[in-house]
C-alpha cells in the first residue's frame, strides 16, 4: 500500500479479465478506484476484491455503464468527479472482439460495433477526462493488443481497431505532453479472459493457440 495513496484511477471494462486484475492491483497500491463495466454482478466481485486489498468502501466506486452509449460515457466522468473530486489515471480497457473477414457477411456490422466501442468510446472518454487529468498532471493508459501490430487472420476489424488505438495513443501523447499528461498503451498478446467466449472459444482453445 502507499504508492498511489490519494490518487483516483478509473478503469473501464473492470468487471472481468485484464480490467479486474488491473483494478485489484491499483487497490493494493492504495489508489481509490472507479470500476466501470456492463455486468453489475461481476463489478460487485471486482469491488469486493478491491476492498479485500484494504481499501475503505468510500474509495471504491462502481458504475454500470455501456461504453457504446454517449450518455453513459459522460455519466462515467461526471459521477467520478462528483464522488472523488479528481481523476489521476484513466485506464481505457473496455473492448470487444468479433470474428470478421473481408469476405464475411457481417463485416460492416462488425466494423460499426467494434469501432464504436474499441475506438470511438476511448476518444470520447479521454476527451472528457483530459481537463481533469491536466489538473492533476495525470496519465492515460490504453489497453491495446498485439493485433495492433501484427496481422491476425479472421479478426480483421479487431486488428483495425487496435491499430487505430495505437496511433491515437501516439498522437494524444504528443498533444498532451506539454500539459503534463502522459499517454501510453500496453499491447498484450493472447491472454485467457472471458472475452474469448464471446466468439466461441473456450479456455482450452485459447491456451492451445497461445502456446
N, C-alpha and C. Protein backbone atom coordinates (compact mmCIF):
# COMPACT_ATOMS: atom_id res chain seq x y z
N UNK A 1 0.84 -1.20 0.00
CA UNK A 1 0.00 0.00 0.00
C UNK A 1 0.88 1.25 0.00
N UNK A 2 0.40 2.32 -0.66
CA UNK A 2 1.04 3.59 -0.47
C UNK A 2 1.46 4.32 -1.71
N UNK A 3 1.91 3.60 -2.76
CA UNK A 3 2.46 4.31 -3.91
C UNK A 3 1.42 5.11 -4.67
N UNK A 4 0.13 4.77 -4.52
CA UNK A 4 -0.93 5.53 -5.17
C UNK A 4 -1.89 6.15 -4.16
N UNK A 5 -1.44 6.34 -2.95
CA UNK A 5 -2.28 6.99 -1.93
C UNK A 5 -2.73 8.36 -2.43
N UNK A 6 -4.02 8.65 -2.31
CA UNK A 6 -4.57 9.94 -2.70
C UNK A 6 -4.87 10.05 -4.18
N UNK A 7 -4.56 9.04 -4.96
CA UNK A 7 -4.82 9.05 -6.39
C UNK A 7 -6.15 8.36 -6.71
N UNK A 8 -6.77 8.80 -7.80
CA UNK A 8 -8.02 8.21 -8.26
C UNK A 8 -7.81 7.62 -9.64
N UNK A 9 -8.14 6.34 -9.77
CA UNK A 9 -7.91 5.62 -11.03
C UNK A 9 -9.24 5.09 -11.56
N UNK A 10 -9.55 5.41 -12.80
CA UNK A 10 -10.78 4.95 -13.45
C UNK A 10 -10.41 3.86 -14.45
N UNK A 11 -11.05 2.69 -14.30
CA UNK A 11 -10.78 1.55 -15.18
C UNK A 11 -12.06 1.12 -15.86
N UNK A 12 -12.09 1.17 -17.19
CA UNK A 12 -13.25 0.65 -17.91
C UNK A 12 -13.04 -0.85 -18.17
N UNK A 13 -14.15 -1.55 -18.38
CA UNK A 13 -14.04 -2.99 -18.56
C UNK A 13 -13.50 -3.66 -17.31
N UNK A 14 -13.90 -3.14 -16.15
CA UNK A 14 -13.34 -3.60 -14.87
C UNK A 14 -14.06 -4.80 -14.29
N UNK A 15 -15.07 -5.31 -15.00
CA UNK A 15 -15.86 -6.39 -14.43
C UNK A 15 -15.20 -7.75 -14.58
N UNK A 16 -14.17 -7.87 -15.43
CA UNK A 16 -13.52 -9.17 -15.61
C UNK A 16 -12.19 -9.00 -16.31
N UNK A 17 -11.45 -10.10 -16.42
CA UNK A 17 -10.24 -10.12 -17.20
C UNK A 17 -9.18 -9.12 -16.78
N UNK A 18 -8.55 -8.51 -17.78
CA UNK A 18 -7.46 -7.57 -17.53
C UNK A 18 -7.92 -6.40 -16.66
N UNK A 19 -9.12 -5.90 -16.91
CA UNK A 19 -9.62 -4.76 -16.14
C UNK A 19 -9.77 -5.07 -14.66
N UNK A 20 -10.28 -6.25 -14.34
CA UNK A 20 -10.48 -6.62 -12.95
C UNK A 20 -9.14 -6.78 -12.23
N UNK A 21 -8.19 -7.41 -12.88
CA UNK A 21 -6.86 -7.59 -12.28
C UNK A 21 -6.16 -6.25 -12.10
N UNK A 22 -6.31 -5.38 -13.10
CA UNK A 22 -5.71 -4.05 -13.01
C UNK A 22 -6.28 -3.27 -11.83
N UNK A 23 -7.59 -3.33 -11.66
CA UNK A 23 -8.24 -2.64 -10.55
C UNK A 23 -7.73 -3.14 -9.21
N UNK A 24 -7.61 -4.45 -9.08
CA UNK A 24 -7.14 -5.03 -7.82
C UNK A 24 -5.71 -4.59 -7.51
N UNK A 25 -4.87 -4.49 -8.55
CA UNK A 25 -3.50 -4.07 -8.33
C UNK A 25 -3.42 -2.61 -7.89
N UNK A 26 -4.20 -1.75 -8.53
CA UNK A 26 -4.23 -0.35 -8.10
C UNK A 26 -4.74 -0.23 -6.67
N UNK A 27 -5.75 -1.04 -6.33
CA UNK A 27 -6.27 -1.02 -4.96
C UNK A 27 -5.20 -1.44 -3.97
N UNK A 28 -4.45 -2.46 -4.33
CA UNK A 28 -3.37 -2.92 -3.45
C UNK A 28 -2.32 -1.84 -3.26
N UNK A 29 -2.15 -1.00 -4.29
CA UNK A 29 -1.17 0.09 -4.21
C UNK A 29 -1.74 1.35 -3.56
N UNK A 30 -2.98 1.28 -3.09
CA UNK A 30 -3.54 2.37 -2.31
C UNK A 30 -4.41 3.35 -3.04
N UNK A 31 -4.64 3.14 -4.35
CA UNK A 31 -5.45 4.09 -5.12
C UNK A 31 -6.94 3.91 -4.83
N UNK A 32 -7.68 5.00 -4.89
CA UNK A 32 -9.13 4.91 -4.97
C UNK A 32 -9.47 4.49 -6.40
N UNK A 33 -10.45 3.60 -6.55
CA UNK A 33 -10.72 3.05 -7.88
C UNK A 33 -12.16 3.28 -8.30
N UNK A 34 -12.32 3.58 -9.58
CA UNK A 34 -13.64 3.69 -10.21
C UNK A 34 -13.75 2.50 -11.16
N UNK A 35 -14.69 1.61 -10.89
CA UNK A 35 -14.85 0.38 -11.64
C UNK A 35 -16.03 0.52 -12.58
N UNK A 36 -15.76 0.48 -13.88
CA UNK A 36 -16.80 0.70 -14.88
C UNK A 36 -16.97 -0.57 -15.71
N UNK A 37 -18.23 -0.99 -15.88
CA UNK A 37 -18.49 -2.18 -16.69
C UNK A 37 -19.97 -2.39 -16.92
N UNK A 38 -20.28 -3.36 -17.77
CA UNK A 38 -21.68 -3.63 -18.12
C UNK A 38 -22.35 -4.62 -17.19
N UNK A 39 -21.57 -5.51 -16.59
CA UNK A 39 -22.12 -6.59 -15.79
C UNK A 39 -22.06 -6.22 -14.30
N UNK A 40 -23.22 -5.93 -13.74
CA UNK A 40 -23.28 -5.44 -12.36
C UNK A 40 -22.78 -6.49 -11.36
N UNK A 41 -23.12 -7.75 -11.61
CA UNK A 41 -22.70 -8.82 -10.70
C UNK A 41 -21.18 -8.97 -10.69
N UNK A 42 -20.59 -8.95 -11.87
CA UNK A 42 -19.13 -9.07 -11.95
C UNK A 42 -18.43 -7.85 -11.38
N UNK A 43 -19.03 -6.66 -11.60
CA UNK A 43 -18.47 -5.46 -10.98
C UNK A 43 -18.43 -5.58 -9.47
N UNK A 44 -19.47 -6.18 -8.92
CA UNK A 44 -19.52 -6.40 -7.48
C UNK A 44 -18.38 -7.28 -7.00
N UNK A 45 -18.05 -8.29 -7.79
CA UNK A 45 -16.95 -9.18 -7.42
C UNK A 45 -15.61 -8.44 -7.46
N UNK A 46 -15.44 -7.60 -8.48
CA UNK A 46 -14.21 -6.81 -8.56
C UNK A 46 -14.13 -5.84 -7.39
N UNK A 47 -15.27 -5.26 -7.05
CA UNK A 47 -15.32 -4.34 -5.91
C UNK A 47 -14.89 -5.04 -4.62
N UNK A 48 -15.40 -6.24 -4.40
CA UNK A 48 -15.03 -6.99 -3.21
C UNK A 48 -13.55 -7.32 -3.19
N UNK A 49 -13.00 -7.63 -4.36
CA UNK A 49 -11.57 -7.92 -4.45
C UNK A 49 -10.76 -6.68 -4.08
N UNK A 50 -11.20 -5.51 -4.52
CA UNK A 50 -10.50 -4.27 -4.18
C UNK A 50 -10.60 -3.97 -2.69
N UNK A 51 -11.76 -4.22 -2.13
CA UNK A 51 -11.94 -3.99 -0.68
C UNK A 51 -11.06 -4.93 0.13
N UNK A 52 -10.86 -6.13 -0.39
CA UNK A 52 -10.02 -7.11 0.32
C UNK A 52 -8.55 -6.68 0.36
N UNK A 53 -8.19 -5.72 -0.50
CA UNK A 53 -6.82 -5.21 -0.52
C UNK A 53 -6.60 -4.14 0.55
N UNK A 54 -7.67 -3.80 1.28
CA UNK A 54 -7.53 -2.85 2.37
C UNK A 54 -8.17 -1.50 2.14
N UNK A 55 -8.83 -1.29 1.00
CA UNK A 55 -9.50 -0.02 0.74
C UNK A 55 -10.79 0.07 1.54
N UNK A 56 -11.12 1.28 1.95
CA UNK A 56 -12.42 1.52 2.59
C UNK A 56 -13.48 1.65 1.50
N UNK A 57 -14.75 1.46 1.88
CA UNK A 57 -15.84 1.45 0.90
C UNK A 57 -15.94 2.76 0.12
N UNK A 58 -15.61 3.88 0.77
CA UNK A 58 -15.72 5.17 0.09
C UNK A 58 -14.66 5.36 -0.99
N UNK A 59 -13.68 4.44 -1.04
CA UNK A 59 -12.63 4.54 -2.04
C UNK A 59 -12.85 3.60 -3.22
N UNK A 60 -13.99 2.93 -3.23
CA UNK A 60 -14.33 2.03 -4.35
C UNK A 60 -15.69 2.45 -4.90
N UNK A 61 -15.70 2.95 -6.13
CA UNK A 61 -16.93 3.40 -6.78
C UNK A 61 -17.19 2.51 -8.00
N UNK A 62 -18.37 1.92 -8.05
CA UNK A 62 -18.75 1.11 -9.22
C UNK A 62 -19.78 1.86 -10.06
N UNK A 63 -19.60 1.80 -11.37
CA UNK A 63 -20.50 2.47 -12.30
C UNK A 63 -20.89 1.47 -13.38
N UNK A 64 -22.15 1.11 -13.43
CA UNK A 64 -22.63 0.26 -14.51
C UNK A 64 -22.86 1.14 -15.73
N UNK A 65 -22.14 0.86 -16.80
CA UNK A 65 -22.22 1.72 -17.97
C UNK A 65 -21.86 0.93 -19.22
N UNK A 66 -22.43 1.36 -20.34
CA UNK A 66 -22.14 0.79 -21.65
C UNK A 66 -21.36 1.82 -22.45
N UNK A 67 -20.11 1.51 -22.76
CA UNK A 67 -19.24 2.48 -23.39
C UNK A 67 -19.66 2.84 -24.82
N UNK A 68 -20.58 2.09 -25.40
CA UNK A 68 -21.08 2.43 -26.74
C UNK A 68 -22.15 3.52 -26.68
N UNK A 69 -22.58 3.90 -25.48
CA UNK A 69 -23.62 4.92 -25.31
C UNK A 69 -23.00 6.21 -24.81
N UNK A 70 -23.15 7.28 -25.58
CA UNK A 70 -22.54 8.56 -25.22
C UNK A 70 -22.97 9.04 -23.84
N UNK A 71 -24.25 8.86 -23.53
CA UNK A 71 -24.74 9.29 -22.22
C UNK A 71 -24.05 8.58 -21.08
N UNK A 72 -23.78 7.29 -21.26
CA UNK A 72 -23.10 6.52 -20.23
C UNK A 72 -21.65 6.96 -20.08
N UNK A 73 -21.01 7.28 -21.19
CA UNK A 73 -19.62 7.76 -21.14
C UNK A 73 -19.55 9.07 -20.36
N UNK A 74 -20.45 9.99 -20.67
CA UNK A 74 -20.46 11.27 -19.97
C UNK A 74 -20.80 11.10 -18.49
N UNK A 75 -21.75 10.21 -18.21
CA UNK A 75 -22.13 9.96 -16.81
C UNK A 75 -20.97 9.36 -16.01
N UNK A 76 -20.15 8.58 -16.67
CA UNK A 76 -19.00 7.97 -16.00
C UNK A 76 -18.05 9.03 -15.46
N UNK A 77 -17.72 10.02 -16.28
CA UNK A 77 -16.82 11.08 -15.83
C UNK A 77 -17.51 11.95 -14.77
N UNK A 78 -18.74 12.32 -15.02
CA UNK A 78 -19.46 13.19 -14.08
C UNK A 78 -19.58 12.54 -12.71
N UNK A 79 -19.90 11.26 -12.68
CA UNK A 79 -20.05 10.54 -11.40
C UNK A 79 -18.72 10.43 -10.68
N UNK A 80 -17.66 10.19 -11.43
CA UNK A 80 -16.33 10.08 -10.84
C UNK A 80 -15.91 11.38 -10.17
N UNK A 81 -16.07 12.48 -10.88
CA UNK A 81 -15.66 13.78 -10.32
C UNK A 81 -16.56 14.19 -9.17
N UNK A 82 -17.83 13.90 -9.26
CA UNK A 82 -18.74 14.23 -8.16
C UNK A 82 -18.37 13.47 -6.90
N UNK A 83 -17.97 12.21 -7.05
CA UNK A 83 -17.66 11.37 -5.88
C UNK A 83 -16.27 11.68 -5.31
N UNK A 84 -15.27 11.79 -6.18
CA UNK A 84 -13.89 11.92 -5.70
C UNK A 84 -13.31 13.32 -5.86
N UNK A 85 -13.88 14.13 -6.77
CA UNK A 85 -13.38 15.48 -6.95
C UNK A 85 -12.12 15.59 -7.79
N UNK A 86 -11.64 14.47 -8.33
CA UNK A 86 -10.42 14.49 -9.11
C UNK A 86 -10.30 13.19 -9.91
N UNK A 87 -9.36 13.20 -10.86
CA UNK A 87 -9.03 11.98 -11.59
C UNK A 87 -7.55 12.04 -11.93
N UNK A 88 -6.83 10.96 -11.62
CA UNK A 88 -5.38 10.92 -11.83
C UNK A 88 -4.96 9.97 -12.95
N UNK A 89 -5.68 8.87 -13.11
CA UNK A 89 -5.33 7.88 -14.12
C UNK A 89 -6.60 7.37 -14.79
N UNK A 90 -6.59 7.35 -16.11
CA UNK A 90 -7.66 6.73 -16.89
C UNK A 90 -7.11 5.51 -17.59
N UNK A 91 -7.70 4.35 -17.32
CA UNK A 91 -7.30 3.11 -17.99
C UNK A 91 -8.42 2.73 -18.96
N UNK A 92 -8.18 2.94 -20.24
CA UNK A 92 -9.15 2.58 -21.28
C UNK A 92 -8.98 1.11 -21.63
N UNK A 93 -9.70 0.26 -20.93
CA UNK A 93 -9.54 -1.18 -21.10
C UNK A 93 -10.73 -1.84 -21.79
N UNK A 94 -11.91 -1.25 -21.68
CA UNK A 94 -13.11 -1.87 -22.26
C UNK A 94 -12.93 -2.10 -23.76
N UNK A 95 -13.30 -3.27 -24.22
CA UNK A 95 -13.18 -3.57 -25.64
C UNK A 95 -13.94 -4.83 -26.00
N UNK A 96 -14.16 -4.99 -27.28
CA UNK A 96 -14.86 -6.18 -27.78
C UNK A 96 -14.05 -6.77 -28.92
N UNK A 97 -14.29 -8.04 -29.19
CA UNK A 97 -13.62 -8.72 -30.30
C UNK A 97 -14.65 -9.57 -31.02
N UNK A 98 -14.54 -9.61 -32.34
CA UNK A 98 -15.53 -10.29 -33.16
C UNK A 98 -14.82 -10.92 -34.36
N UNK A 99 -15.24 -12.12 -34.72
CA UNK A 99 -14.70 -12.74 -35.93
C UNK A 99 -15.17 -11.95 -37.14
N UNK A 100 -14.23 -11.53 -37.99
CA UNK A 100 -14.60 -10.78 -39.20
C UNK A 100 -13.53 -10.98 -40.26
N UNK A 101 -13.97 -11.09 -41.51
CA UNK A 101 -13.05 -11.23 -42.64
C UNK A 101 -13.55 -10.35 -43.77
N UNK A 102 -12.69 -10.10 -44.75
CA UNK A 102 -13.06 -9.25 -45.87
C UNK A 102 -14.20 -9.87 -46.68
N UNK A 103 -14.37 -11.19 -46.62
CA UNK A 103 -15.44 -11.87 -47.36
C UNK A 103 -16.65 -12.18 -46.49
N UNK A 104 -16.59 -11.79 -45.23
CA UNK A 104 -17.67 -12.13 -44.31
C UNK A 104 -18.94 -11.33 -44.53
N UNK A 105 -20.07 -11.97 -44.32
CA UNK A 105 -21.36 -11.30 -44.49
C UNK A 105 -21.60 -10.24 -43.43
N UNK A 106 -20.94 -10.39 -42.28
CA UNK A 106 -21.20 -9.48 -41.16
C UNK A 106 -20.18 -8.36 -41.05
N UNK A 107 -19.37 -8.14 -42.09
CA UNK A 107 -18.22 -7.24 -41.98
C UNK A 107 -18.60 -5.84 -41.52
N UNK A 108 -19.58 -5.22 -42.16
CA UNK A 108 -19.90 -3.83 -41.83
C UNK A 108 -20.55 -3.71 -40.46
N UNK A 109 -21.39 -4.70 -40.11
CA UNK A 109 -21.98 -4.69 -38.77
C UNK A 109 -20.89 -4.83 -37.70
N UNK A 110 -19.94 -5.72 -37.98
CA UNK A 110 -18.83 -5.92 -37.06
C UNK A 110 -17.99 -4.65 -36.94
N UNK A 111 -17.78 -3.97 -38.07
CA UNK A 111 -17.00 -2.74 -38.06
C UNK A 111 -17.66 -1.68 -37.18
N UNK A 112 -18.94 -1.44 -37.39
CA UNK A 112 -19.65 -0.41 -36.63
C UNK A 112 -19.62 -0.70 -35.14
N UNK A 113 -19.88 -1.95 -34.76
CA UNK A 113 -19.94 -2.34 -33.36
C UNK A 113 -18.56 -2.26 -32.70
N UNK A 114 -17.57 -2.84 -33.36
CA UNK A 114 -16.23 -2.91 -32.78
C UNK A 114 -15.57 -1.54 -32.70
N UNK A 115 -15.65 -0.77 -33.77
CA UNK A 115 -15.01 0.54 -33.77
C UNK A 115 -15.68 1.50 -32.80
N UNK A 116 -16.98 1.36 -32.63
CA UNK A 116 -17.70 2.22 -31.70
C UNK A 116 -17.18 2.05 -30.27
N UNK A 117 -16.94 0.80 -29.87
CA UNK A 117 -16.50 0.54 -28.50
C UNK A 117 -14.99 0.64 -28.37
N UNK A 118 -14.24 0.04 -29.30
CA UNK A 118 -12.80 -0.01 -29.16
C UNK A 118 -12.08 1.29 -29.48
N UNK A 119 -12.72 2.15 -30.27
CA UNK A 119 -12.06 3.40 -30.67
C UNK A 119 -12.89 4.64 -30.28
N UNK A 120 -14.11 4.71 -30.75
CA UNK A 120 -14.90 5.92 -30.53
C UNK A 120 -15.11 6.22 -29.05
N UNK A 121 -15.44 5.20 -28.28
CA UNK A 121 -15.69 5.43 -26.86
C UNK A 121 -14.42 5.85 -26.13
N UNK A 122 -13.27 5.36 -26.59
CA UNK A 122 -11.99 5.75 -25.99
C UNK A 122 -11.71 7.22 -26.27
N UNK A 123 -11.95 7.65 -27.52
CA UNK A 123 -11.79 9.07 -27.84
C UNK A 123 -12.69 9.93 -26.97
N UNK A 124 -13.94 9.52 -26.85
CA UNK A 124 -14.92 10.31 -26.11
C UNK A 124 -14.56 10.40 -24.62
N UNK A 125 -14.27 9.24 -24.02
CA UNK A 125 -13.96 9.23 -22.59
C UNK A 125 -12.66 9.99 -22.30
N UNK A 126 -11.68 9.82 -23.17
CA UNK A 126 -10.41 10.52 -22.98
C UNK A 126 -10.57 12.03 -23.11
N UNK A 127 -11.41 12.45 -24.06
CA UNK A 127 -11.67 13.89 -24.23
C UNK A 127 -12.30 14.48 -22.97
N UNK A 128 -13.29 13.77 -22.42
CA UNK A 128 -13.97 14.26 -21.22
C UNK A 128 -13.06 14.22 -19.99
N UNK A 129 -12.16 13.25 -19.97
CA UNK A 129 -11.26 13.11 -18.81
C UNK A 129 -10.09 14.08 -18.88
N UNK A 130 -9.71 14.51 -20.07
CA UNK A 130 -8.48 15.28 -20.26
C UNK A 130 -8.36 16.52 -19.35
N UNK A 131 -9.40 17.37 -19.23
CA UNK A 131 -9.24 18.54 -18.37
C UNK A 131 -8.92 18.17 -16.92
N UNK A 132 -9.50 17.09 -16.44
CA UNK A 132 -9.27 16.65 -15.05
C UNK A 132 -7.87 16.06 -14.91
N UNK A 133 -7.39 15.38 -15.94
CA UNK A 133 -6.05 14.82 -15.90
C UNK A 133 -4.99 15.92 -16.03
N UNK A 134 -5.30 16.96 -16.78
CA UNK A 134 -4.39 18.11 -16.85
C UNK A 134 -4.26 18.76 -15.48
N UNK A 135 -5.36 18.84 -14.76
CA UNK A 135 -5.35 19.46 -13.44
C UNK A 135 -4.48 18.68 -12.45
N UNK A 136 -4.43 17.35 -12.60
CA UNK A 136 -3.66 16.52 -11.66
C UNK A 136 -2.32 16.07 -12.23
N UNK A 137 -2.02 16.50 -13.47
CA UNK A 137 -0.81 16.01 -14.16
C UNK A 137 -0.83 14.48 -14.19
N UNK A 138 -1.94 13.95 -14.63
CA UNK A 138 -2.17 12.52 -14.59
C UNK A 138 -1.75 11.80 -15.85
N UNK A 139 -2.39 10.65 -16.08
CA UNK A 139 -1.98 9.83 -17.23
C UNK A 139 -3.14 9.02 -17.78
N UNK A 140 -2.98 8.62 -19.03
CA UNK A 140 -3.93 7.73 -19.70
C UNK A 140 -3.18 6.47 -20.11
N UNK A 141 -3.78 5.33 -19.84
CA UNK A 141 -3.22 4.05 -20.29
C UNK A 141 -4.27 3.36 -21.15
N UNK A 142 -3.93 3.14 -22.41
CA UNK A 142 -4.84 2.46 -23.33
C UNK A 142 -4.43 0.99 -23.46
N UNK A 143 -5.38 0.11 -23.24
CA UNK A 143 -5.09 -1.32 -23.39
C UNK A 143 -5.35 -1.71 -24.84
N UNK A 144 -4.27 -1.87 -25.58
CA UNK A 144 -4.34 -2.24 -26.99
C UNK A 144 -4.17 -3.75 -27.11
N UNK A 145 -3.46 -4.20 -28.12
CA UNK A 145 -3.28 -5.63 -28.36
C UNK A 145 -2.15 -5.83 -29.34
N UNK A 146 -1.56 -7.02 -29.29
CA UNK A 146 -0.57 -7.38 -30.29
C UNK A 146 -1.19 -7.32 -31.69
N UNK A 147 -2.52 -7.42 -31.75
CA UNK A 147 -3.22 -7.34 -33.04
C UNK A 147 -3.12 -5.96 -33.67
N UNK A 148 -2.70 -4.96 -32.91
CA UNK A 148 -2.48 -3.65 -33.48
C UNK A 148 -1.18 -3.56 -34.26
N UNK A 149 -0.32 -4.56 -34.06
CA UNK A 149 1.00 -4.55 -34.70
C UNK A 149 1.20 -5.73 -35.64
N UNK A 150 0.46 -6.80 -35.44
CA UNK A 150 0.58 -7.98 -36.29
C UNK A 150 -0.75 -8.28 -36.97
N UNK A 151 -0.68 -8.86 -38.14
CA UNK A 151 -1.90 -9.17 -38.89
C UNK A 151 -2.40 -10.56 -38.49
N UNK A 152 -3.48 -10.59 -37.75
CA UNK A 152 -4.04 -11.84 -37.28
C UNK A 152 -5.29 -12.15 -38.11
N UNK A 153 -5.33 -13.25 -38.83
CA UNK A 153 -6.48 -13.55 -39.70
C UNK A 153 -7.76 -13.78 -38.93
N UNK A 154 -8.88 -13.53 -39.59
CA UNK A 154 -10.23 -13.74 -39.06
C UNK A 154 -10.63 -12.75 -37.98
N UNK A 155 -9.77 -11.77 -37.74
CA UNK A 155 -10.09 -10.71 -36.78
C UNK A 155 -9.83 -9.35 -37.44
N UNK A 156 -10.31 -9.21 -38.66
CA UNK A 156 -9.98 -8.04 -39.47
C UNK A 156 -10.29 -6.73 -38.76
N UNK A 157 -11.53 -6.57 -38.31
CA UNK A 157 -11.93 -5.30 -37.71
C UNK A 157 -11.25 -5.08 -36.37
N UNK A 158 -11.06 -6.13 -35.61
CA UNK A 158 -10.36 -6.01 -34.32
C UNK A 158 -8.93 -5.52 -34.56
N UNK A 159 -8.25 -6.08 -35.57
CA UNK A 159 -6.92 -5.61 -35.93
C UNK A 159 -6.93 -4.12 -36.24
N UNK A 160 -7.89 -3.70 -37.05
CA UNK A 160 -8.00 -2.29 -37.42
C UNK A 160 -8.21 -1.41 -36.20
N UNK A 161 -9.09 -1.85 -35.31
CA UNK A 161 -9.42 -1.03 -34.13
C UNK A 161 -8.22 -0.85 -33.22
N UNK A 162 -7.42 -1.90 -33.04
CA UNK A 162 -6.27 -1.79 -32.15
C UNK A 162 -5.13 -1.00 -32.79
N UNK A 163 -5.00 -1.08 -34.11
CA UNK A 163 -4.03 -0.24 -34.79
C UNK A 163 -4.41 1.23 -34.66
N UNK A 164 -5.70 1.50 -34.79
CA UNK A 164 -6.19 2.88 -34.62
C UNK A 164 -5.93 3.36 -33.19
N UNK A 165 -6.14 2.48 -32.21
CA UNK A 165 -5.91 2.84 -30.82
C UNK A 165 -4.44 3.16 -30.56
N UNK A 166 -3.55 2.39 -31.19
CA UNK A 166 -2.11 2.67 -31.04
C UNK A 166 -1.76 4.06 -31.57
N UNK A 167 -2.31 4.41 -32.72
CA UNK A 167 -1.97 5.72 -33.29
C UNK A 167 -2.64 6.84 -32.50
N UNK A 168 -3.85 6.59 -32.02
CA UNK A 168 -4.50 7.56 -31.12
C UNK A 168 -3.60 7.83 -29.92
N UNK A 169 -3.00 6.78 -29.39
CA UNK A 169 -2.11 6.92 -28.24
C UNK A 169 -0.93 7.82 -28.58
N UNK A 170 -0.31 7.58 -29.73
CA UNK A 170 0.85 8.38 -30.12
C UNK A 170 0.50 9.85 -30.31
N UNK A 171 -0.61 10.10 -30.98
CA UNK A 171 -0.99 11.48 -31.26
C UNK A 171 -1.37 12.23 -29.98
N UNK A 172 -2.17 11.61 -29.13
CA UNK A 172 -2.58 12.29 -27.90
C UNK A 172 -1.40 12.45 -26.94
N UNK A 173 -0.44 11.52 -27.00
CA UNK A 173 0.76 11.68 -26.17
C UNK A 173 1.50 12.96 -26.54
N UNK A 174 1.59 13.23 -27.84
CA UNK A 174 2.25 14.45 -28.31
C UNK A 174 1.43 15.67 -27.92
N UNK A 175 0.11 15.60 -28.10
CA UNK A 175 -0.75 16.75 -27.82
C UNK A 175 -0.79 17.11 -26.34
N UNK A 176 -0.76 16.11 -25.47
CA UNK A 176 -0.94 16.37 -24.04
C UNK A 176 0.38 16.47 -23.26
N UNK A 177 1.49 16.19 -23.92
CA UNK A 177 2.78 16.22 -23.22
C UNK A 177 3.05 17.58 -22.58
N UNK A 178 2.77 18.64 -23.32
CA UNK A 178 3.04 19.98 -22.81
C UNK A 178 2.12 20.35 -21.64
N UNK A 179 1.05 19.58 -21.47
CA UNK A 179 0.11 19.81 -20.37
C UNK A 179 0.47 18.98 -19.14
N UNK A 180 1.51 18.18 -19.27
CA UNK A 180 1.94 17.36 -18.14
C UNK A 180 1.22 16.03 -18.01
N UNK A 181 0.51 15.62 -19.07
CA UNK A 181 -0.24 14.36 -19.05
C UNK A 181 0.47 13.34 -19.94
N UNK A 182 0.73 12.16 -19.39
CA UNK A 182 1.36 11.08 -20.14
C UNK A 182 0.29 10.17 -20.74
N UNK A 183 0.51 9.72 -21.95
CA UNK A 183 -0.41 8.79 -22.62
C UNK A 183 0.40 7.62 -23.15
N UNK A 184 0.06 6.43 -22.70
CA UNK A 184 0.77 5.22 -23.12
C UNK A 184 -0.21 4.12 -23.47
N UNK A 185 0.28 3.12 -24.18
CA UNK A 185 -0.53 1.94 -24.49
C UNK A 185 0.25 0.69 -24.09
N UNK A 186 -0.48 -0.32 -23.67
CA UNK A 186 0.10 -1.64 -23.47
C UNK A 186 -0.54 -2.57 -24.49
N UNK A 187 0.23 -3.51 -25.02
CA UNK A 187 -0.24 -4.37 -26.10
C UNK A 187 -0.05 -5.84 -25.74
N UNK A 188 -0.96 -6.39 -24.95
CA UNK A 188 -0.81 -7.79 -24.54
C UNK A 188 -0.95 -8.74 -25.72
N UNK A 189 -0.32 -9.90 -25.58
CA UNK A 189 -0.56 -11.00 -26.50
C UNK A 189 -1.84 -11.71 -26.09
N UNK A 190 -1.99 -12.95 -26.52
CA UNK A 190 -3.20 -13.70 -26.22
C UNK A 190 -3.23 -14.07 -24.75
N UNK A 191 -4.29 -13.68 -24.06
CA UNK A 191 -4.46 -13.95 -22.64
C UNK A 191 -5.81 -14.61 -22.43
N UNK A 192 -5.85 -15.60 -21.54
CA UNK A 192 -7.11 -16.29 -21.25
C UNK A 192 -7.99 -15.38 -20.40
N UNK A 193 -9.02 -14.81 -21.02
CA UNK A 193 -10.01 -13.99 -20.32
C UNK A 193 -11.39 -14.33 -20.87
N UNK A 194 -12.47 -13.92 -20.17
CA UNK A 194 -13.82 -14.24 -20.63
C UNK A 194 -14.19 -13.70 -22.01
N UNK A 195 -13.44 -12.71 -22.53
CA UNK A 195 -13.80 -12.10 -23.81
C UNK A 195 -13.79 -13.12 -24.95
N UNK A 196 -12.95 -14.14 -24.84
CA UNK A 196 -12.84 -15.12 -25.92
C UNK A 196 -14.12 -15.94 -26.08
N UNK A 197 -14.87 -16.08 -24.99
CA UNK A 197 -16.13 -16.80 -25.08
C UNK A 197 -17.16 -16.11 -25.95
N UNK A 198 -16.97 -14.81 -26.18
CA UNK A 198 -17.93 -14.06 -26.99
C UNK A 198 -17.90 -14.46 -28.45
N UNK A 199 -16.80 -15.11 -28.88
CA UNK A 199 -16.78 -15.60 -30.26
C UNK A 199 -16.46 -17.09 -30.32
N UNK A 200 -16.90 -17.82 -29.28
CA UNK A 200 -16.94 -19.27 -29.34
C UNK A 200 -15.69 -20.03 -28.97
N UNK A 201 -14.71 -19.39 -28.34
CA UNK A 201 -13.51 -20.10 -27.92
C UNK A 201 -13.53 -20.32 -26.41
N UNK A 202 -13.30 -21.59 -25.99
CA UNK A 202 -13.20 -21.85 -24.57
C UNK A 202 -11.74 -21.69 -24.13
N UNK A 203 -11.50 -21.79 -22.82
CA UNK A 203 -10.16 -21.53 -22.29
C UNK A 203 -9.12 -22.48 -22.86
N UNK A 204 -9.48 -23.74 -23.06
CA UNK A 204 -8.52 -24.72 -23.60
C UNK A 204 -8.09 -24.35 -25.02
N UNK A 205 -9.06 -23.86 -25.83
CA UNK A 205 -8.72 -23.45 -27.19
C UNK A 205 -7.79 -22.25 -27.19
N UNK A 206 -8.04 -21.31 -26.28
CA UNK A 206 -7.18 -20.12 -26.19
C UNK A 206 -5.77 -20.52 -25.78
N UNK A 207 -5.66 -21.42 -24.80
CA UNK A 207 -4.34 -21.86 -24.36
C UNK A 207 -3.58 -22.56 -25.48
N UNK A 208 -4.31 -23.33 -26.29
CA UNK A 208 -3.68 -24.06 -27.40
C UNK A 208 -3.11 -23.08 -28.42
N UNK A 209 -3.87 -22.04 -28.74
CA UNK A 209 -3.41 -21.04 -29.70
C UNK A 209 -2.22 -20.25 -29.17
N UNK A 210 -2.23 -19.96 -27.86
CA UNK A 210 -1.20 -19.10 -27.27
C UNK A 210 0.07 -19.86 -26.92
N UNK A 211 0.02 -21.19 -26.95
CA UNK A 211 1.20 -21.97 -26.54
C UNK A 211 2.21 -22.09 -27.66
